[in-house]
Protein backbone atom coordinates (compact mmCIF):
# COMPACT_ATOMS: atom_id res chain seq x y z
CA MET A 1 -34.82 5.68 -42.07
CA LEU A 2 -36.63 5.24 -38.76
CA GLU A 3 -37.12 1.54 -39.42
CA ALA A 4 -33.40 1.10 -40.09
CA LEU A 5 -32.64 2.80 -36.78
CA ARG A 6 -35.25 0.73 -34.92
CA MET A 7 -33.42 -2.39 -36.05
CA SER A 8 -30.44 -1.24 -33.98
CA ALA A 9 -32.48 -1.45 -30.73
CA GLY A 10 -31.27 1.89 -29.41
CA GLU A 11 -27.59 1.38 -30.24
CA LEU A 12 -25.32 3.84 -32.05
CA VAL A 13 -25.34 3.56 -35.85
CA PRO A 14 -22.73 5.21 -38.12
CA GLN A 15 -24.38 7.77 -40.40
CA SER A 16 -22.35 6.34 -43.30
CA TYR A 17 -24.02 2.96 -42.74
CA LEU A 18 -27.45 4.51 -43.34
CA HIS A 19 -26.30 6.00 -46.64
CA LYS A 20 -25.00 2.62 -47.84
CA SER A 21 -27.78 0.38 -46.52
CA LEU A 22 -30.65 2.59 -47.75
CA LYS A 23 -28.92 3.40 -51.07
CA ILE A 24 -29.66 7.11 -50.91
CA SER A 25 -27.26 10.01 -51.20
CA ARG A 26 -25.22 11.29 -48.27
CA SER A 27 -26.80 14.73 -48.60
CA ARG A 28 -30.32 13.25 -48.45
CA VAL A 29 -29.42 11.17 -45.38
CA SER A 30 -28.07 14.31 -43.74
CA GLU A 31 -31.25 16.27 -44.54
CA ILE A 32 -33.50 13.55 -43.10
CA LEU A 33 -31.40 13.19 -39.96
CA ASP A 34 -31.36 16.97 -39.45
CA GLU A 35 -35.15 16.94 -39.49
CA LEU A 36 -35.40 13.92 -37.17
CA GLU A 37 -32.99 15.59 -34.76
CA ARG A 38 -35.06 18.80 -34.72
CA GLU A 39 -38.14 16.70 -33.94
CA GLY A 40 -36.34 15.04 -31.03
CA LEU A 41 -36.50 11.56 -32.55
CA ILE A 42 -32.77 10.94 -32.80
CA SER A 43 -29.53 11.98 -31.15
CA ARG A 44 -26.21 12.37 -32.98
CA VAL A 45 -22.64 12.52 -31.69
CA LYS A 46 -19.57 13.33 -33.76
CA VAL A 47 -16.61 11.00 -33.22
CA GLY A 48 -13.59 11.91 -35.27
CA ASN A 49 -14.88 12.74 -38.74
CA GLN A 50 -18.05 10.66 -38.61
CA TYR A 51 -21.46 10.95 -36.94
CA LEU A 52 -23.06 8.20 -34.88
CA VAL A 53 -26.86 8.17 -34.70
CA LYS A 54 -29.17 6.83 -31.98
CA LEU A 55 -32.95 6.51 -32.17
CA LEU A 56 -34.87 8.01 -29.25
CA ASP A 57 -38.42 7.40 -28.19
CA PHE A 58 -40.88 10.29 -28.06
CA ARG A 59 -39.83 11.25 -24.51
CA GLY A 60 -36.21 11.59 -25.56
CA GLU A 61 -35.22 8.25 -24.03
CA PRO A 62 -33.24 5.61 -25.97
CA THR A 63 -35.40 2.77 -27.25
CA GLY A 64 -34.73 -0.68 -25.87
CA ARG A 65 -33.69 0.40 -22.34
CA LEU A 66 -36.27 2.91 -21.18
CA ARG A 67 -36.21 2.07 -17.49
CA VAL A 68 -32.56 1.16 -16.99
CA PHE A 69 -29.87 3.72 -16.28
CA HIS A 70 -26.32 2.51 -16.76
CA VAL A 71 -23.98 4.46 -14.49
CA GLY A 72 -20.29 4.44 -15.37
CA LEU A 73 -17.82 4.95 -12.56
CA VAL A 74 -14.12 4.61 -11.87
CA TRP A 75 -12.97 1.72 -9.64
CA SER A 76 -12.65 3.29 -6.19
CA SER A 77 -14.25 3.47 -2.75
CA GLU A 78 -15.73 6.88 -3.53
CA TYR A 79 -19.37 6.18 -4.37
CA PRO A 80 -21.26 4.18 -1.68
CA PHE A 81 -24.00 6.81 -1.98
CA LEU A 82 -24.98 5.03 -5.21
CA THR A 83 -26.69 2.48 -2.97
CA ILE A 84 -29.29 4.94 -1.75
CA PHE A 85 -29.49 6.59 -5.18
CA ALA A 86 -30.36 3.24 -6.77
CA LYS A 87 -32.97 2.63 -4.07
CA LYS A 88 -34.64 6.01 -4.59
CA VAL A 89 -34.56 5.78 -8.40
CA LYS A 90 -36.40 2.46 -8.14
CA GLU A 91 -38.98 3.93 -5.74
CA LYS A 92 -39.58 7.23 -7.54
CA LEU A 93 -38.99 6.42 -11.21
CA ASN A 94 -39.56 2.66 -11.24
CA ALA A 95 -36.16 2.38 -12.91
CA ILE A 96 -33.07 0.29 -12.32
CA ILE A 97 -29.55 1.57 -11.77
CA LYS A 98 -26.86 -0.67 -13.24
CA THR A 99 -23.24 0.13 -12.45
CA VAL A 100 -20.48 -0.26 -15.03
CA VAL A 101 -16.99 -0.12 -13.51
CA PHE A 102 -14.03 1.28 -15.47
CA THR A 103 -10.35 1.51 -14.58
CA SER A 104 -9.96 5.11 -15.72
CA SER A 105 -12.01 8.29 -15.94
CA ILE A 106 -11.24 8.62 -19.66
CA GLN A 107 -12.75 5.20 -20.39
CA ALA A 108 -15.89 5.95 -18.39
CA THR A 109 -16.46 9.42 -19.87
CA ARG A 110 -15.77 8.13 -23.37
CA ALA A 111 -18.50 5.50 -22.87
CA LEU A 112 -20.89 8.29 -21.84
CA VAL A 113 -20.30 10.44 -24.93
CA LEU A 114 -20.50 7.42 -27.25
CA GLY A 115 -23.94 6.57 -25.89
CA ASP A 116 -23.01 3.37 -24.04
CA LEU A 117 -24.07 4.91 -20.72
CA GLU A 118 -26.89 7.16 -19.61
CA LEU A 119 -24.99 8.44 -16.55
CA ALA A 120 -21.39 8.69 -15.41
CA LEU A 121 -19.65 9.60 -12.17
CA THR A 122 -16.29 10.84 -13.39
CA PRO A 123 -13.99 13.72 -12.44
CA ALA A 124 -15.30 17.19 -13.20
CA ILE A 125 -12.05 17.96 -15.03
CA THR A 126 -12.58 14.97 -17.35
CA GLN A 127 -16.16 16.03 -18.03
CA ILE A 128 -15.14 19.62 -18.79
CA HIS A 129 -12.57 18.48 -21.36
CA PHE A 130 -14.93 15.96 -23.00
CA TYR A 131 -17.80 18.43 -23.11
CA SER A 132 -15.64 20.85 -25.07
CA ALA A 133 -15.36 18.22 -27.81
CA PHE A 134 -18.75 16.43 -27.71
CA LYS A 135 -21.35 18.63 -25.98
CA ASN A 136 -23.79 15.72 -25.64
CA PHE A 137 -24.11 15.46 -21.86
CA ARG A 138 -24.86 17.70 -18.89
CA ILE A 139 -23.48 17.77 -15.34
CA ILE A 140 -26.51 17.26 -13.08
CA GLY A 141 -25.08 16.56 -9.62
CA GLY A 142 -22.18 16.96 -7.24
CA GLY A 143 -20.61 14.06 -5.41
CA ALA A 144 -17.57 13.41 -3.27
CA TYR A 145 -14.16 15.00 -2.99
CA GLY A 146 -11.01 14.16 -1.08
CA GLY A 147 -9.67 10.64 -1.20
CA SER A 148 -6.59 11.67 -3.20
CA LYS A 149 -2.97 12.00 -2.11
CA VAL A 150 0.48 12.86 -3.35
CA LEU A 151 2.93 10.29 -2.01
CA VAL A 152 6.68 9.87 -2.27
CA LYS A 153 9.21 7.13 -1.57
CA ASP A 154 12.49 8.80 -0.65
CA SER A 155 14.60 5.73 -1.37
CA VAL A 156 13.55 5.56 -5.05
CA SER A 157 16.10 7.16 -7.38
CA ALA A 158 13.87 7.35 -10.47
CA HIS A 159 12.77 10.90 -11.32
CA THR A 160 9.19 9.93 -12.17
CA THR A 161 5.67 10.82 -11.10
CA TYR A 162 2.84 8.36 -11.75
CA SER A 163 -0.72 9.63 -12.12
CA SER A 164 -3.93 8.85 -13.98
CA GLU A 165 -4.49 11.02 -17.05
CA LEU A 166 -6.96 13.89 -17.48
CA SER A 167 -8.35 13.28 -14.01
CA THR A 168 -8.48 14.77 -10.53
CA MET A 169 -5.13 13.09 -9.90
CA ASP A 170 -3.71 14.83 -12.96
CA LEU A 171 -4.96 18.18 -11.64
CA VAL A 172 -3.43 17.53 -8.21
CA ARG A 173 -0.18 16.46 -9.90
CA SER A 174 -0.01 19.62 -12.00
CA LEU A 175 -0.82 21.91 -9.07
CA SER A 176 1.83 20.12 -7.00
CA VAL A 177 4.42 20.83 -9.70
CA ARG A 178 3.27 24.45 -9.90
CA GLU A 179 3.65 24.83 -6.11
CA GLY A 180 7.10 23.23 -6.12
CA ILE A 181 5.94 20.19 -4.14
CA ILE A 182 6.85 17.81 -6.97
CA PRO A 183 10.08 18.88 -8.73
CA ALA A 184 9.44 20.33 -12.19
CA GLU A 185 12.15 18.15 -13.73
CA THR A 186 10.31 14.97 -12.68
CA SER A 187 8.85 13.18 -15.72
CA THR A 188 5.19 12.16 -15.72
CA ARG A 189 3.98 8.64 -16.46
CA TYR A 190 0.27 7.91 -16.82
CA PHE A 191 -1.13 4.57 -15.70
CA ARG A 192 -4.29 3.23 -17.33
CA ASN A 193 -5.31 0.92 -14.48
CA PRO A 194 -4.24 0.26 -10.87
CA GLU A 195 -2.26 -2.85 -11.84
CA GLU A 196 0.11 -0.75 -13.96
CA ILE A 197 1.21 1.49 -11.11
CA LEU A 198 1.53 -1.45 -8.71
CA LYS A 199 3.84 -3.21 -11.19
CA ALA A 200 5.87 -0.02 -11.61
CA ILE A 201 6.22 0.26 -7.84
CA SER A 202 7.47 -3.31 -7.63
CA ALA A 203 10.07 -2.41 -10.27
CA GLY A 204 11.23 0.64 -8.28
CA ALA A 205 10.12 3.00 -11.06
CA VAL A 206 7.85 5.33 -9.05
CA LYS A 207 9.25 8.23 -7.02
CA TYR A 208 6.07 10.29 -6.68
CA ALA A 209 2.54 8.94 -7.01
CA VAL A 210 -0.74 10.83 -7.22
CA VAL A 211 -3.49 8.30 -6.56
CA TRP A 212 -6.87 7.79 -4.94
CA HIS A 213 -8.29 5.54 -2.22
CA PRO A 214 -7.89 2.59 -1.92
CA ILE A 215 -4.76 2.60 -4.12
CA TYR A 216 -2.84 4.87 -1.78
CA ARG A 217 -3.33 2.42 1.08
CA ARG A 218 -1.36 -0.12 -0.97
CA LEU A 219 1.40 2.42 -1.53
CA GLU A 220 1.53 3.39 2.12
CA GLY A 221 1.98 -0.29 2.91
CA ALA A 222 4.89 -0.35 0.44
CA GLY A 223 6.78 2.43 2.21
CA TYR A 224 5.40 5.56 0.56
CA ARG A 225 4.68 8.57 2.74
CA GLU A 226 1.98 11.19 2.32
CA VAL A 227 3.12 14.57 1.03
CA LEU A 228 -0.31 16.18 0.86
CA LYS A 229 -4.01 15.55 0.22
CA GLY A 230 -5.85 16.86 -2.82
CA GLU A 231 -8.02 19.13 -0.69
CA ASP A 232 -4.86 20.81 0.66
CA LEU A 233 -4.67 22.36 -2.82
CA GLU A 234 -8.35 23.39 -2.60
CA VAL A 235 -9.50 20.80 -5.11
CA MET A 236 -13.07 20.64 -3.80
CA TYR A 237 -14.66 18.65 -6.61
CA CYS A 238 -13.68 15.16 -7.65
CA CYS A 239 -16.36 13.19 -9.48
CA THR A 240 -19.62 14.81 -10.50
CA LEU A 241 -22.70 13.15 -12.00
CA ALA A 242 -23.15 13.66 -15.74
CA ALA A 243 -26.18 12.59 -17.78
CA SER A 244 -26.23 12.00 -21.52
CA THR A 245 -28.58 14.14 -23.58
CA ILE A 246 -30.15 10.90 -24.82
CA VAL A 247 -31.93 11.16 -21.45
CA SER A 248 -34.75 13.69 -21.68
CA GLU A 249 -34.41 17.03 -19.91
CA GLU A 250 -37.39 16.18 -17.70
CA THR A 251 -35.81 12.89 -16.63
CA ARG A 252 -32.42 14.54 -16.09
CA ARG A 253 -34.09 17.04 -13.78
CA ALA A 254 -35.80 14.23 -11.83
CA LEU A 255 -32.55 12.28 -11.54
CA SER A 256 -30.74 15.40 -10.36
CA ASN A 257 -33.26 15.98 -7.57
CA ILE A 258 -33.18 12.34 -6.48
CA TYR A 259 -29.39 12.33 -6.54
CA ARG A 260 -29.13 15.41 -4.34
CA GLU A 261 -31.62 13.92 -1.87
CA SER A 262 -29.55 10.74 -1.85
CA LEU A 263 -26.31 12.59 -1.09
CA GLU A 264 -27.95 14.57 1.72
CA GLU A 265 -29.34 11.41 3.30
CA TYR A 266 -26.12 9.45 2.74
CA ARG A 267 -23.89 11.82 4.66
CA LYS A 268 -26.05 11.46 7.77
CA ALA A 269 -25.06 7.78 8.13
CA PRO A 270 -22.73 6.69 5.29
CA GLU A 271 -21.84 3.35 6.89
CA ARG A 272 -25.39 2.10 6.25
CA TRP A 273 -24.93 2.10 2.49
CA VAL A 274 -21.64 0.27 2.06
CA ASP A 275 -22.65 -3.36 1.44
CA TRP A 276 -24.40 -3.12 -1.96
CA TYR A 277 -21.73 -0.80 -3.31
CA SER A 278 -18.93 -3.09 -2.12
CA LEU A 279 -20.42 -5.92 -4.18
CA GLN A 280 -20.81 -3.71 -7.26
CA VAL A 281 -17.15 -2.65 -7.42
CA GLY A 282 -15.52 -5.74 -5.93
CA ILE A 283 -13.83 -3.87 -3.08
CA PRO A 284 -14.00 -5.51 0.38
CA ARG A 285 -16.48 -3.95 2.80
CA ASP A 286 -13.83 -2.93 5.33
CA VAL A 287 -11.85 -1.13 2.60
CA VAL A 288 -14.95 0.78 1.46
CA LEU A 289 -15.64 1.69 5.10
CA ASP A 290 -12.12 3.06 5.36
CA GLY A 291 -12.82 5.11 2.24
CA VAL A 292 -15.96 6.57 3.82
CA ARG A 293 -13.66 8.35 6.27
CA GLU A 294 -11.45 9.66 3.46
CA TYR A 295 -14.08 11.18 1.16
CA LYS A 296 -16.30 14.18 1.88
CA ILE A 297 -19.67 14.88 0.27
CA ASN A 298 -20.41 17.96 -1.82
CA PRO A 299 -24.05 17.62 -2.94
CA VAL A 300 -24.33 21.14 -4.38
CA LEU A 301 -23.47 22.13 -7.93
CA SER A 302 -22.32 25.74 -7.72
CA LYS A 303 -21.38 27.59 -10.89
CA THR A 304 -19.15 29.87 -8.81
CA ASP A 305 -17.34 26.93 -7.22
CA LEU A 306 -17.03 25.11 -10.55
CA ARG A 307 -15.65 28.25 -12.19
CA ARG A 308 -13.08 28.49 -9.39
CA TYR A 309 -12.31 24.80 -9.89
CA ALA A 310 -11.97 25.22 -13.66
CA SER A 311 -9.63 28.18 -13.19
CA LYS A 312 -7.16 25.79 -11.54
CA ILE A 313 -6.95 23.64 -14.67
CA PRO A 314 -3.66 24.55 -16.35
CA VAL A 315 -2.90 24.10 -20.03
CA GLU A 316 -0.34 21.39 -19.19
CA ILE A 317 -3.10 18.88 -18.38
CA PRO A 318 -2.48 16.36 -19.75
CA ASN A 319 1.30 16.66 -19.51
CA ALA A 320 2.50 17.88 -22.92
CA ASP A 321 5.84 16.05 -22.90
CA THR A 322 4.19 12.74 -22.07
CA VAL A 323 1.47 13.11 -24.70
CA LEU A 324 3.86 14.28 -27.43
CA SER A 325 6.20 11.37 -26.78
CA GLU A 326 3.28 9.01 -27.47
CA VAL A 327 1.49 10.77 -30.33
CA LEU A 328 4.37 12.09 -32.44
CA GLU A 329 5.60 9.63 -35.07
CA ALA A 330 7.54 11.90 -37.42
CA GLU A 331 9.74 14.60 -35.96
CA GLU A 332 11.65 17.01 -38.22
């Protein structure tokens, strides 16, 4: 069993594959994997109705990439502090930080729970929802907040609001509807990447938009005006740092300490750390610098603050009408 998993070089293997390739019963495979999991030699995640298995080394780290941490993040100007984090991780852990850029928080968090990433900087709301289903990662650090806006173009007749799904933007959108800032009768459309909302704007299909920096700069240039900022609704967490449980508890603790040190040092002189990050995400340096002025740093993980944050999450995230219109094939 272990040899079959070693052949995968630390990648996820369907449990059903082990049953077929080793020609032993499903129940026996399950018994062996239960024992290996108790001994800390493997990690399993349930996706749908099947389990995916990953071999760990004896420190709880995935084989094949012991000293590389892949950090998933959403395309934005939010995370220049990763520059100093990468520097300190190299100095203190002799490890490399590799960034993996996604166009949505769902994509990035999904990659984390499927074992494609060791770390992810994604919205706390996304992490809370995914943890409820998967439970194979931990939130180990704060991050930035701010950098989000509700905008409107008065001349647009369409009764639509565009937002990203299951994200900080979605939370701001829902709270804005609850407060009567966005009309309740406005329909919600979710965009999966920045290009989608920009195309919709060109087509005159977007009345309200709930977006982050630097996207809202593009909208402001297209005649949209600011209605409010996310922090006006007391949304004081945006993206937090999550670590997969394929990373050992000891290493997670070390990364958490380094990350907090990095955030504390970063906010003393954030402009110093822009260049490397700009290259990682493909956003021009001057745009990232503009973002530095839009985002605020919250290095502390407070259970009280996170409980207050979670209490703001309404049941209508994601928007029920939008989701049902996509998922329902047979209506009686």
